[in-house]
Amino acid sequence: MVMCQDELFEVFSYLPAKAIYRFKCMSKSVSKLPKETCFAMKQAENSLKKDDTCFFLQQETSQRYNKKVKLYPLPGKQSSSGVSEDVLRFLSKSTRVLASTKGLILCRTTSKTPDELFVCNPATKSWLPIPSPKQVQEKPDADLIMVLLECSNSCDDYMVLHFEGPTDWSSNYACKFYKPKEGLWKAMEKSFFVGGRNMKFNMPVYYNGAIHFISNCSPYLTKRSPYFRPYVMSYNLENGTSTMLRLPKDARRGSHDLNCEMSIFSWGKVSTPQSSICLVRLRKSVFTIWILTNYESKRWMRILKVRTKGMGLREKDPKITGFTVMNGGLLIFATETRVYSYGLTDENYMRVEEICQHRCKSNVCFTSYSDTLRLCGLGAASLPC
C-alpha cells in the first residue's frame, strides 16, 4: 500500500517526535516532514491532546548549581519517548531545567555570568534565548520564580511568567510575562499577594484562569495569624487578583510536623470538565491525597491514604526524596535509590511500578516532558551539542 503525501502528513502528525525521526530513512517524503513548519505545528497541535510520556530527574539544589540531568520514560512509554544522549550531556554540563510545557523546556545556564535563560526543544535540538529579567542582572545568584504556560490566545503559542521577590518585607511579588512573538517582558498591573507564609514556587498549577501555589508548612506564625496553617494562593492572569484557597481540615491537622510535606498538582485531563487540583501530603511515611471537587466553595474530597510500607516497594523502610503527580492521575515518587509510579485512577488505581534506579541520594525534583516537533519561536537556532 502506497500513501500519498497528504496521507503521510496526516498519519505521521500523530506520532511522537522520536518515532518520526526513526522513520526518516523510509523515503525522501518522510525525511522532509520534520523540517516543514506546517507539519511541525500540526504534530505539536496533536501532541497537546496527549499525555506526557517521560520526565527529567534532577537533584534538588540551587538553580546556579547543576548536577546530571536524566530522562526516564513512564511505564509503557519506553519505545515512544526519549531525548538523545548529546542533548542530555549538554543539559547536564551547564544547565538547570526550570519548567516545561508540551515539548518545550525552560532552562537557565549555570556556567555563564551573567547567566542566560532559554526555551529549548530537546527533540529537535533547537533553542531560543530569551532576555533576562532585571532581577537576574541585579541578583545573578538568586533562584528565579519562573513558569512556562500554554496560551489560550491562538495568536500566541506559549508564555513565560516571572515573579519578582519583594525588595522589602512585604508579601507582594511583581509579575511580568514574556511572549516570544513580542520579544520583551511586560509587567502586570497588580502584584501577587502571597500572604504571611513563604510559598513553594517550584510547583505551580494553572487552573481556572489562575496560577496556584501552595505555602510551606513550617510553624513560624502565631495562632492569631490568618496564615497560621498552610494554604494555597492563586493569582488570576486576567485581572491580577490574589485569592486564598483553604486546604481541607484533615490536611491542615498535623501540618506543622517537621516531617510533613504538602504539594499541589493538576488533576484530570485539562480538556475535560473533570480537571481540577489535587493536594498530596506526605507525613510520617503516609501519602494522603485530596482533589478539589468544588472550586467556588473550596470543597475537597480525600481519594487515597496509604503507608509507603504498604505500597509494595522493594525497599523495606523507604525514605521518600521527592514526589509529583503527572498526567492528572499518576503519582510519581522517588526513594533514595529508585523511582516508582502509583496509579490514582481507573484500572491503574493503587498499582505500583518501578520506573528506574537513580543515584541522586538527596532530594530530587521532577519535570514532566513529551517529545514533540514544537517550534521554540522566531529566531530559534540549533543547540550547540
Protein backbone atom coordinates (compact mmCIF):
# COMPACT_ATOMS: atom_id res chain seq x y z
CA MET A 1 0.00 0.00 0.00
CA VAL A 2 1.38 3.39 -1.03
CA MET A 3 0.24 6.56 0.74
CA CYS A 4 0.12 9.94 -0.90
CA GLN A 5 1.82 12.97 0.63
CA ASP A 6 -1.34 14.23 2.32
CA GLU A 7 -1.93 10.83 3.91
CA LEU A 8 1.66 10.68 5.16
CA PHE A 9 1.28 14.17 6.58
CA GLU A 10 -1.88 13.23 8.50
CA VAL A 11 -0.72 9.85 9.81
CA PHE A 12 2.75 10.96 10.89
CA SER A 13 1.42 14.08 12.62
CA TYR A 14 0.01 11.81 15.34
CA LEU A 15 3.36 10.16 16.10
CA PRO A 16 5.81 11.35 18.77
CA ALA A 17 8.94 13.10 17.55
CA LYS A 18 11.18 10.12 18.35
CA ALA A 19 9.13 7.83 16.12
CA ILE A 20 9.07 10.35 13.28
CA TYR A 21 12.86 10.64 13.28
CA ARG A 22 13.13 6.85 13.24
CA PHE A 23 11.07 6.69 10.03
CA LYS A 24 13.11 9.37 8.24
CA CYS A 25 15.03 6.72 6.29
CA MET A 26 11.81 5.31 4.77
CA SER A 27 11.63 7.81 1.94
CA LYS A 28 12.55 11.34 0.95
CA SER A 29 8.98 12.46 1.60
CA VAL A 30 9.11 11.28 5.23
CA SER A 31 12.62 12.66 5.80
CA LYS A 32 11.42 16.14 4.82
CA LEU A 33 8.43 16.21 7.18
CA PRO A 34 10.19 17.25 10.44
CA LYS A 35 11.69 20.27 8.64
CA GLU A 36 8.34 21.56 7.38
CA THR A 37 6.89 24.27 9.62
CA CYS A 38 3.28 23.39 8.88
CA PHE A 39 3.91 19.73 9.73
CA ALA A 40 5.74 20.60 12.96
CA MET A 41 2.83 22.83 14.01
CA LYS A 42 0.28 20.11 13.20
CA GLN A 43 2.25 17.45 15.09
CA ALA A 44 2.61 19.78 18.09
CA GLU A 45 -1.12 20.56 18.00
CA ASN A 46 -1.97 16.85 18.06
CA SER A 47 0.50 16.30 20.91
CA LEU A 48 -1.31 18.82 23.09
CA LYS A 49 -4.18 16.34 23.37
CA LYS A 50 -1.90 13.57 24.65
CA ASP A 51 -0.30 12.75 27.99
CA ASP A 52 3.34 13.44 28.72
CA THR A 53 5.47 10.35 28.21
CA CYS A 54 8.55 10.91 30.36
CA PHE A 55 10.22 13.18 32.92
CA PHE A 56 13.51 14.88 33.67
CA LEU A 57 15.02 13.99 37.04
CA GLN A 58 17.35 16.44 38.79
CA GLN A 59 18.81 16.77 42.24
CA GLU A 60 17.05 19.50 44.21
CA THR A 61 19.64 22.25 44.50
CA SER A 62 20.05 25.95 43.89
CA GLN A 63 19.43 26.96 40.28
CA ARG A 64 23.04 28.13 39.94
CA TYR A 65 24.34 24.67 40.79
CA ASN A 66 23.64 21.84 38.39
CA LYS A 67 24.03 18.10 38.56
CA LYS A 68 23.44 15.46 35.92
CA VAL A 69 20.08 15.74 34.13
CA LYS A 70 18.47 12.36 33.45
CA LEU A 71 15.38 11.48 31.42
CA TYR A 72 13.17 8.48 32.15
CA PRO A 73 10.06 7.19 30.34
CA LEU A 74 6.82 6.46 32.12
CA PRO A 75 5.57 2.85 32.26
CA GLY A 76 4.53 1.66 28.80
CA LYS A 77 6.20 4.61 27.04
CA GLN A 78 9.74 3.25 26.75
CA SER A 79 9.69 2.91 22.96
CA SER A 80 7.82 6.11 22.11
CA SER A 81 9.73 8.77 24.01
CA GLY A 82 13.26 9.93 24.54
CA VAL A 83 15.98 12.53 24.07
CA SER A 84 19.39 11.93 22.51
CA GLU A 85 22.39 11.49 24.78
CA ASP A 86 24.21 14.53 23.38
CA VAL A 87 21.31 16.77 24.43
CA LEU A 88 21.30 15.28 27.94
CA ARG A 89 25.07 15.83 28.18
CA PHE A 90 24.61 19.45 27.14
CA LEU A 91 21.89 19.99 29.75
CA SER A 92 23.93 18.25 32.45
CA LYS A 93 27.06 20.26 31.71
CA SER A 94 25.78 23.79 32.14
CA THR A 95 22.01 23.98 32.52
CA ARG A 96 19.20 23.77 35.04
CA VAL A 97 15.74 22.72 33.76
CA LEU A 98 13.20 25.04 35.41
CA ALA A 99 9.85 24.22 33.77
CA SER A 100 8.20 22.52 30.79
CA THR A 101 5.07 22.52 28.66
CA LYS A 102 4.23 20.01 25.94
CA GLY A 103 7.59 19.51 24.29
CA LEU A 104 9.36 22.70 25.37
CA ILE A 105 11.53 23.22 28.43
CA LEU A 106 12.63 26.45 30.10
CA CYS A 107 16.28 26.39 31.13
CA ARG A 108 18.77 28.54 32.99
CA THR A 109 22.50 28.34 32.38
CA THR A 110 24.76 27.67 35.35
CA SER A 111 28.19 28.26 33.80
CA LYS A 112 27.88 31.81 32.50
CA THR A 113 27.97 35.23 34.17
CA PRO A 114 25.62 36.88 33.55
CA ASP A 115 23.53 33.77 33.18
CA GLU A 116 21.06 33.17 30.38
CA LEU A 117 17.53 31.91 30.02
CA PHE A 118 16.35 29.95 27.01
CA VAL A 119 13.45 27.86 25.76
CA CYS A 120 14.52 24.57 24.26
CA ASN A 121 13.02 21.68 22.30
CA PRO A 122 15.29 18.71 23.17
CA ALA A 123 13.73 16.51 20.48
CA THR A 124 14.54 18.88 17.59
CA LYS A 125 17.75 20.14 19.24
CA SER A 126 16.67 23.75 18.92
CA TRP A 127 16.70 26.64 21.38
CA LEU A 128 15.61 30.24 21.68
CA PRO A 129 17.44 32.57 24.11
CA ILE A 130 15.14 35.00 25.92
CA PRO A 131 16.20 38.26 27.57
CA SER A 132 16.91 38.04 31.27
CA PRO A 133 14.59 39.94 33.61
CA LYS A 134 16.08 42.83 35.57
CA GLN A 135 16.24 40.76 38.76
CA VAL A 136 18.63 38.31 37.10
CA GLN A 137 21.00 41.12 36.23
CA GLU A 138 20.87 42.60 39.73
CA LYS A 139 20.95 39.31 41.68
CA PRO A 140 22.58 36.69 39.44
CA ASP A 141 22.85 34.08 42.21
CA ALA A 142 19.23 34.26 43.35
CA ASP A 143 16.78 31.50 42.40
CA LEU A 144 14.19 32.65 39.87
CA ILE A 145 10.44 32.12 40.09
CA MET A 146 9.58 31.14 36.52
CA VAL A 147 6.51 29.48 35.00
CA LEU A 148 6.13 28.20 31.42
CA LEU A 149 2.49 28.26 30.24
CA GLU A 150 0.33 27.44 27.26
CA CYS A 151 -1.51 30.44 25.80
CA SER A 152 -5.27 30.27 25.34
CA ASN A 153 -4.95 33.01 22.70
CA SER A 154 -4.48 31.31 19.32
CA CYS A 155 -2.16 34.13 18.22
CA ASP A 156 0.39 33.13 20.88
CA ASP A 157 1.97 29.74 21.45
CA TYR A 158 3.34 29.94 24.97
CA MET A 159 4.36 32.49 27.57
CA VAL A 160 6.89 32.73 30.39
CA LEU A 161 5.88 34.21 33.75
CA HIS A 162 8.37 35.70 36.19
CA PHE A 163 7.52 36.65 39.77
CA GLU A 164 9.99 39.09 41.31
CA GLY A 165 10.60 38.77 45.03
CA PRO A 166 9.82 41.88 47.14
CA THR A 167 12.69 44.20 47.99
CA ASP A 168 11.15 44.98 51.39
CA TRP A 169 9.34 42.86 53.98
CA SER A 170 6.04 42.94 52.11
CA SER A 171 4.28 39.90 50.66
CA ASN A 172 3.79 41.37 47.18
CA TYR A 173 5.52 39.82 44.18
CA ALA A 174 5.64 41.79 40.94
CA CYS A 175 4.62 39.69 37.93
CA LYS A 176 5.99 40.01 34.40
CA PHE A 177 5.26 37.94 31.33
CA TYR A 178 7.18 37.23 28.14
CA LYS A 179 5.76 36.10 24.79
CA PRO A 180 8.19 35.04 22.04
CA LYS A 181 6.30 36.90 19.30
CA GLU A 182 6.59 40.18 21.22
CA GLY A 183 10.16 39.57 22.37
CA LEU A 184 10.04 41.63 25.58
CA TRP A 185 8.94 41.44 29.20
CA LYS A 186 5.72 43.22 30.18
CA ALA A 187 4.54 43.94 33.71
CA MET A 188 1.13 43.03 35.10
CA GLU A 189 -0.68 45.97 36.70
CA LYS A 190 -1.25 44.20 40.03
CA SER A 191 1.31 42.29 42.05
CA PHE A 192 0.79 38.83 43.52
CA PHE A 193 -0.03 38.93 47.25
CA VAL A 194 1.10 35.66 48.82
CA GLY A 195 0.05 36.18 52.45
CA GLY A 196 2.20 35.69 55.53
CA ARG A 197 3.91 32.44 54.55
CA ASN A 198 6.69 31.52 52.16
CA MET A 199 5.37 29.89 49.00
CA LYS A 200 6.61 26.77 47.22
CA PHE A 201 7.06 28.45 43.86
CA ASN A 202 8.63 25.39 42.22
CA MET A 203 5.28 23.64 41.78
CA PRO A 204 2.72 25.92 40.10
CA VAL A 205 -0.70 24.72 38.99
CA TYR A 206 -2.60 26.57 36.28
CA TYR A 207 -6.35 26.15 36.69
CA ASN A 208 -9.47 28.23 36.14
CA GLY A 209 -7.51 31.11 34.62
CA ALA A 210 -5.15 31.46 37.58
CA ILE A 211 -1.74 30.27 38.76
CA HIS A 212 -1.85 28.45 42.11
CA PHE A 213 0.97 27.95 44.62
CA ILE A 214 0.94 26.21 47.98
CA SER A 215 2.67 27.63 51.05
CA ASN A 216 5.18 25.82 53.21
CA CYS A 217 4.19 24.10 56.48
CA SER A 218 6.77 25.44 58.92
CA PRO A 219 5.41 26.53 62.36
CA TYR A 220 6.73 30.10 62.49
CA LEU A 221 3.45 32.05 62.84
CA THR A 222 1.20 32.51 65.87
CA LYS A 223 -2.28 31.03 66.08
CA ARG A 224 -3.77 34.51 65.85
CA SER A 225 -2.40 34.91 62.34
CA PRO A 226 -4.83 34.16 59.45
CA TYR A 227 -1.85 32.39 57.85
CA PHE A 228 -1.12 30.12 60.79
CA ARG A 229 -1.91 26.97 58.78
CA PRO A 230 -0.65 26.27 55.23
CA TYR A 231 -2.85 27.38 52.34
CA VAL A 232 -2.99 27.80 48.55
CA MET A 233 -2.83 31.26 47.00
CA SER A 234 -3.92 31.93 43.41
CA TYR A 235 -3.07 34.76 41.00
CA ASN A 236 -5.59 35.49 38.24
CA LEU A 237 -3.79 36.25 34.99
CA GLU A 238 -6.63 38.36 33.58
CA ASN A 239 -7.36 40.79 36.41
CA GLY A 240 -4.35 40.26 38.71
CA THR A 241 -6.39 39.40 41.81
CA SER A 242 -4.90 37.23 44.55
CA THR A 243 -7.19 34.76 46.33
CA MET A 244 -6.59 32.38 49.22
CA LEU A 245 -7.79 28.79 48.92
CA ARG A 246 -8.09 26.94 52.23
CA LEU A 247 -6.90 23.36 52.49
CA PRO A 248 -9.13 20.60 53.92
CA LYS A 249 -9.25 20.49 57.71
CA ASP A 250 -7.76 16.98 57.97
CA ALA A 251 -4.87 18.09 55.74
CA ARG A 252 -4.14 21.08 57.98
CA ARG A 253 -4.16 18.88 61.08
CA GLY A 254 -0.57 17.93 61.93
CA SER A 255 0.80 20.07 59.09
CA HIS A 256 3.33 21.74 61.42
CA ASP A 257 5.22 18.48 61.91
CA LEU A 258 8.78 18.81 60.68
CA ASN A 259 8.36 15.71 58.50
CA CYS A 260 5.18 16.98 56.80
CA GLU A 261 5.39 17.87 53.08
CA MET A 262 2.45 19.13 51.03
CA SER A 263 2.28 19.94 47.32
CA ILE A 264 -0.39 20.64 44.72
CA PHE A 265 -0.63 19.35 41.14
CA SER A 266 -3.01 19.33 38.21
CA TRP A 267 -5.73 16.67 38.42
CA GLY A 268 -7.56 15.05 35.50
CA LYS A 269 -7.27 15.83 31.82
CA VAL A 270 -7.13 19.54 31.07
CA SER A 271 -9.52 19.18 28.14
CA THR A 272 -12.27 17.61 30.27
CA PRO A 273 -14.72 19.17 32.76
CA GLN A 274 -13.29 16.88 35.47
CA SER A 275 -9.95 18.70 35.59
CA SER A 276 -9.08 20.24 38.94
CA ILE A 277 -6.34 20.49 41.57
CA CYS A 278 -5.05 17.67 43.74
CA LEU A 279 -3.29 18.01 47.09
CA VAL A 280 -0.67 15.45 48.12
CA ARG A 281 0.54 15.25 51.70
CA LEU A 282 3.41 13.07 52.91
CA ARG A 283 3.54 12.82 56.69
CA LYS A 284 5.11 10.08 58.79
CA SER A 285 5.61 7.91 55.69
CA VAL A 286 1.91 8.14 54.76
CA PHE A 287 0.67 9.53 51.44
CA THR A 288 -2.75 11.22 51.62
CA ILE A 289 -4.35 12.73 48.51
CA TRP A 290 -7.34 15.03 48.12
CA ILE A 291 -8.93 16.50 45.00
CA LEU A 292 -10.71 19.85 44.82
CA THR A 293 -14.31 18.99 43.90
CA ASN A 294 -15.79 22.50 44.08
CA TYR A 295 -13.59 25.49 43.35
CA GLU A 296 -16.07 28.17 44.48
CA SER A 297 -16.93 26.57 47.82
CA LYS A 298 -13.38 25.24 48.32
CA ARG A 299 -14.62 21.71 48.92
CA TRP A 300 -12.11 18.84 48.89
CA MET A 301 -12.52 15.05 48.78
CA ARG A 302 -9.97 12.53 50.01
CA ILE A 303 -9.28 9.77 47.49
CA LEU A 304 -6.31 7.93 48.96
CA LYS A 305 -4.44 7.26 52.19
CA VAL A 306 -1.64 4.70 52.11
CA ARG A 307 1.54 3.95 54.04
CA THR A 308 4.69 3.73 51.97
CA LYS A 309 5.43 0.34 53.56
CA GLY A 310 2.13 -0.94 52.19
CA MET A 311 2.70 0.16 48.60
CA GLY A 312 4.66 -2.91 47.55
CA LEU A 313 8.05 -1.24 47.17
CA ARG A 314 11.37 -3.07 47.04
CA GLU A 315 12.81 -1.18 50.00
CA LYS A 316 11.78 -2.34 53.46
CA ASP A 317 11.94 1.13 55.04
CA PRO A 318 11.86 3.59 52.11
CA LYS A 319 12.70 7.25 52.56
CA ILE A 320 10.79 9.43 50.08
CA THR A 321 13.02 12.07 48.48
CA GLY A 322 10.52 13.67 46.10
CA PHE A 323 7.11 13.26 44.50
CA THR A 324 4.82 14.66 41.83
CA VAL A 325 1.57 13.85 40.01
CA MET A 326 1.80 13.51 36.23
CA ASN A 327 -0.90 13.39 33.58
CA GLY A 328 -3.56 14.29 36.10
CA GLY A 329 -3.66 10.94 37.87
CA LEU A 330 -0.29 9.18 38.23
CA LEU A 331 1.74 9.60 41.41
CA ILE A 332 5.49 9.55 40.71
CA PHE A 333 7.82 9.40 43.70
CA ALA A 334 11.46 8.71 44.45
CA THR A 335 13.20 6.91 47.27
CA GLU A 336 16.93 7.24 47.88
CA THR A 337 17.68 4.71 45.11
CA ARG A 338 14.56 4.19 42.96
CA VAL A 339 11.67 5.93 41.24
CA TYR A 340 8.15 4.44 41.26
CA SER A 341 4.74 5.17 39.77
CA TYR A 342 1.48 4.62 41.67
CA GLY A 343 -1.88 4.74 39.90
CA LEU A 344 -4.58 7.02 41.29
CA THR A 345 -7.37 6.45 38.77
CA ASP A 346 -9.30 3.80 36.85
CA GLU A 347 -7.68 0.44 36.12
CA ASN A 348 -4.25 1.55 37.45
CA TYR A 349 -5.62 2.53 40.88
CA MET A 350 -3.07 1.63 43.60
CA ARG A 351 -0.89 -0.21 41.07
CA VAL A 352 2.82 0.33 41.75
CA GLU A 353 5.56 0.00 39.12
CA GLU A 354 9.28 0.58 39.41
CA ILE A 355 10.41 3.06 36.76
CA CYS A 356 14.16 3.25 37.29
CA GLN A 357 17.06 3.36 39.69
CA HIS A 358 18.93 6.59 40.37
CA ARG A 359 21.99 7.86 42.22
CA CYS A 360 20.83 11.27 43.41
CA LYS A 361 20.71 10.16 47.09
CA SER A 362 19.34 13.51 48.31
CA ASN A 363 16.02 15.18 47.43
CA VAL A 364 15.05 15.23 43.75
CA CYS A 365 12.67 17.18 41.53
CA PHE A 366 10.66 16.04 38.51
CA THR A 367 9.88 17.90 35.27
CA SER A 368 7.21 16.32 33.09
CA TYR A 369 8.00 16.12 29.36
CA SER A 370 6.82 14.79 25.99
CA ASP A 371 8.85 14.81 22.78
CA THR A 372 7.25 16.85 20.01
CA LEU A 373 8.33 18.90 16.98
CA ARG A 374 7.05 22.07 18.60
CA LEU A 375 8.75 25.28 17.47
CA CYS A 376 10.59 27.42 20.03
CA GLY A 377 9.77 30.62 18.19
CA LEU A 378 11.11 33.03 15.59
CA GLY A 379 14.89 33.21 15.73
CA ALA A 380 15.46 29.75 17.21
CA ALA A 381 18.81 28.14 16.46
CA SER A 382 20.40 24.70 16.77
CA LEU A 383 21.66 23.60 20.16
CA PRO A 384 25.46 23.71 20.49
CA CYS A 385 25.78 19.99 21.09
